Amino acid sequence: MDGLRGSGGRPATAAMLDFCAEHGVTAGIELLPSARVNEALDRLQRNDVRYRFVLDLSDLS
C-alpha cells in the first residue's frame, strides 16, 4: 500500500490550499439556505446535482 497516504497531513493540505489560492483554483458550489435541506437531499437522490451543495447555516438560531 505504498503511495496511499491520504492527504499527507496538515502541511501538505496547507501547501495544496496555498497552491490553489495562488492559481485561482476554486470549487463550484450551490449555496442553499438550511431550510432547503430536503430539496438538496431530493435532488441528490435524483442525481440532479451539478455542483457540491453547501448549506448556509447562518439562518439557524
N, C-alpha and C. Protein backbone atom coordinates (compact mmCIF):
# COMPACT_ATOMS: atom_id res chain seq x y z
N MET A 1 0.82 -1.19 0.00
CA MET A 1 0.00 0.00 0.00
C MET A 1 0.87 1.25 0.00
N ASP A 2 2.11 1.13 -0.46
CA ASP A 2 2.94 2.31 -0.56
C ASP A 2 2.32 3.32 -1.51
N GLY A 3 2.40 4.60 -1.18
CA GLY A 3 1.86 5.63 -2.04
C GLY A 3 0.44 6.05 -1.66
N LEU A 4 -0.23 5.27 -0.83
CA LEU A 4 -1.58 5.61 -0.41
C LEU A 4 -1.51 6.22 0.98
N ARG A 5 -1.29 7.49 1.02
CA ARG A 5 -1.06 8.16 2.30
C ARG A 5 -2.11 9.22 2.62
N GLY A 6 -3.24 9.19 1.98
CA GLY A 6 -4.26 10.20 2.26
C GLY A 6 -3.82 11.56 1.78
N SER A 7 -4.17 12.58 2.53
CA SER A 7 -3.87 13.96 2.11
C SER A 7 -2.45 14.37 2.45
N GLY A 8 -1.73 13.58 3.24
CA GLY A 8 -0.38 13.96 3.61
C GLY A 8 -0.31 14.77 4.89
N GLY A 9 -1.43 14.99 5.52
CA GLY A 9 -1.45 15.71 6.78
C GLY A 9 -1.63 17.21 6.59
N ARG A 10 -1.53 17.93 7.68
CA ARG A 10 -1.78 19.37 7.65
C ARG A 10 -0.80 20.15 6.78
N PRO A 11 0.50 19.90 6.86
CA PRO A 11 1.42 20.67 6.00
C PRO A 11 1.13 20.49 4.50
N ALA A 12 0.87 19.27 4.08
CA ALA A 12 0.58 19.02 2.66
C ALA A 12 -0.76 19.65 2.27
N THR A 13 -1.74 19.59 3.15
CA THR A 13 -3.04 20.21 2.87
C THR A 13 -2.89 21.72 2.76
N ALA A 14 -2.13 22.31 3.67
CA ALA A 14 -1.89 23.77 3.63
C ALA A 14 -1.18 24.15 2.34
N ALA A 15 -0.20 23.36 1.92
CA ALA A 15 0.52 23.65 0.67
C ALA A 15 -0.42 23.56 -0.53
N MET A 16 -1.30 22.57 -0.53
CA MET A 16 -2.25 22.41 -1.63
C MET A 16 -3.21 23.60 -1.67
N LEU A 17 -3.71 24.04 -0.52
CA LEU A 17 -4.61 25.19 -0.47
C LEU A 17 -3.90 26.47 -0.91
N ASP A 18 -2.63 26.63 -0.52
CA ASP A 18 -1.85 27.79 -0.97
C ASP A 18 -1.70 27.77 -2.49
N PHE A 19 -1.40 26.61 -3.05
CA PHE A 19 -1.25 26.46 -4.49
C PHE A 19 -2.56 26.85 -5.19
N CYS A 20 -3.67 26.35 -4.68
CA CYS A 20 -4.98 26.67 -5.28
C CYS A 20 -5.25 28.16 -5.22
N ALA A 21 -4.95 28.78 -4.09
CA ALA A 21 -5.18 30.21 -3.95
C ALA A 21 -4.32 31.01 -4.92
N GLU A 22 -3.07 30.62 -5.08
CA GLU A 22 -2.16 31.33 -5.99
C GLU A 22 -2.59 31.20 -7.45
N HIS A 23 -3.21 30.07 -7.80
CA HIS A 23 -3.55 29.80 -9.19
C HIS A 23 -5.04 29.95 -9.50
N GLY A 24 -5.82 30.45 -8.56
CA GLY A 24 -7.25 30.69 -8.78
C GLY A 24 -8.07 29.42 -8.93
N VAL A 25 -7.62 28.33 -8.35
CA VAL A 25 -8.37 27.08 -8.41
C VAL A 25 -9.44 27.12 -7.33
N THR A 26 -10.69 26.98 -7.73
CA THR A 26 -11.80 27.03 -6.78
C THR A 26 -12.74 25.85 -7.00
N ALA A 27 -13.64 25.66 -6.08
CA ALA A 27 -14.64 24.61 -6.20
C ALA A 27 -15.99 25.24 -6.54
N GLY A 28 -16.69 24.62 -7.49
CA GLY A 28 -18.03 25.08 -7.81
C GLY A 28 -19.00 24.54 -6.77
N ILE A 29 -19.83 25.43 -6.22
CA ILE A 29 -20.81 25.01 -5.21
C ILE A 29 -22.17 25.59 -5.55
N GLU A 30 -23.17 25.02 -4.95
CA GLU A 30 -24.51 25.60 -4.96
C GLU A 30 -24.88 25.85 -3.51
N LEU A 31 -24.97 27.12 -3.15
CA LEU A 31 -25.26 27.52 -1.77
C LEU A 31 -26.76 27.58 -1.55
N LEU A 32 -27.23 26.84 -0.56
CA LEU A 32 -28.65 26.80 -0.23
C LEU A 32 -28.85 27.19 1.22
N PRO A 33 -29.96 27.90 1.53
CA PRO A 33 -30.27 28.14 2.94
C PRO A 33 -30.63 26.82 3.62
N SER A 34 -30.43 26.75 4.89
CA SER A 34 -30.67 25.50 5.61
C SER A 34 -32.10 24.99 5.46
N ALA A 35 -33.05 25.89 5.26
CA ALA A 35 -34.45 25.49 5.13
C ALA A 35 -34.69 24.64 3.88
N ARG A 36 -33.75 24.63 2.95
CA ARG A 36 -33.91 23.87 1.71
C ARG A 36 -33.14 22.55 1.74
N VAL A 37 -32.82 22.06 2.92
CA VAL A 37 -32.05 20.82 3.04
C VAL A 37 -32.80 19.64 2.42
N ASN A 38 -34.11 19.59 2.57
CA ASN A 38 -34.88 18.47 1.99
C ASN A 38 -34.84 18.52 0.46
N GLU A 39 -34.88 19.71 -0.10
CA GLU A 39 -34.74 19.85 -1.56
C GLU A 39 -33.38 19.32 -2.02
N ALA A 40 -32.34 19.67 -1.27
CA ALA A 40 -31.00 19.20 -1.62
C ALA A 40 -30.93 17.67 -1.57
N LEU A 41 -31.51 17.09 -0.55
CA LEU A 41 -31.50 15.62 -0.43
C LEU A 41 -32.31 14.97 -1.55
N ASP A 42 -33.45 15.54 -1.89
CA ASP A 42 -34.25 15.01 -3.00
C ASP A 42 -33.47 15.07 -4.31
N ARG A 43 -32.81 16.19 -4.55
CA ARG A 43 -32.04 16.33 -5.79
C ARG A 43 -30.86 15.38 -5.82
N LEU A 44 -30.23 15.15 -4.68
CA LEU A 44 -29.14 14.17 -4.63
C LEU A 44 -29.66 12.79 -5.01
N GLN A 45 -30.81 12.43 -4.49
CA GLN A 45 -31.40 11.13 -4.78
C GLN A 45 -31.73 10.99 -6.27
N ARG A 46 -32.15 12.08 -6.91
CA ARG A 46 -32.47 12.05 -8.35
C ARG A 46 -31.24 12.24 -9.22
N ASN A 47 -30.08 12.43 -8.60
CA ASN A 47 -28.83 12.70 -9.32
C ASN A 47 -28.94 14.00 -10.14
N ASP A 48 -29.65 14.98 -9.59
CA ASP A 48 -29.87 16.27 -10.22
C ASP A 48 -28.96 17.32 -9.58
N VAL A 49 -27.67 17.03 -9.60
CA VAL A 49 -26.70 17.89 -8.94
C VAL A 49 -25.53 18.14 -9.89
N ARG A 50 -25.21 19.41 -10.09
CA ARG A 50 -24.06 19.72 -10.92
C ARG A 50 -22.85 20.11 -10.06
N TYR A 51 -23.10 20.79 -8.95
CA TYR A 51 -22.04 21.23 -8.07
C TYR A 51 -22.28 20.68 -6.67
N ARG A 52 -21.29 20.78 -5.84
CA ARG A 52 -21.42 20.35 -4.45
C ARG A 52 -22.38 21.28 -3.74
N PHE A 53 -23.30 20.72 -2.96
CA PHE A 53 -24.21 21.52 -2.16
C PHE A 53 -23.49 22.00 -0.89
N VAL A 54 -23.72 23.25 -0.57
CA VAL A 54 -23.26 23.81 0.71
C VAL A 54 -24.48 24.44 1.36
N LEU A 55 -24.78 24.00 2.57
CA LEU A 55 -25.91 24.58 3.30
C LEU A 55 -25.44 25.75 4.15
N ASP A 56 -26.10 26.88 3.98
CA ASP A 56 -25.80 28.07 4.76
C ASP A 56 -26.51 27.95 6.10
N LEU A 57 -25.77 27.74 7.15
CA LEU A 57 -26.36 27.53 8.46
C LEU A 57 -26.49 28.83 9.26
N SER A 58 -26.17 29.96 8.64
CA SER A 58 -26.23 31.23 9.37
C SER A 58 -27.66 31.64 9.70
N ASP A 59 -28.64 30.99 9.04
CA ASP A 59 -30.04 31.34 9.31
C ASP A 59 -30.62 30.55 10.49
N LEU A 60 -29.84 29.70 11.10
CA LEU A 60 -30.30 28.94 12.28
C LEU A 60 -30.10 29.76 13.53
N SER A 61 -31.05 29.69 14.46
CA SER A 61 -30.88 30.46 15.70
C SER A 61 -30.12 29.69 16.74
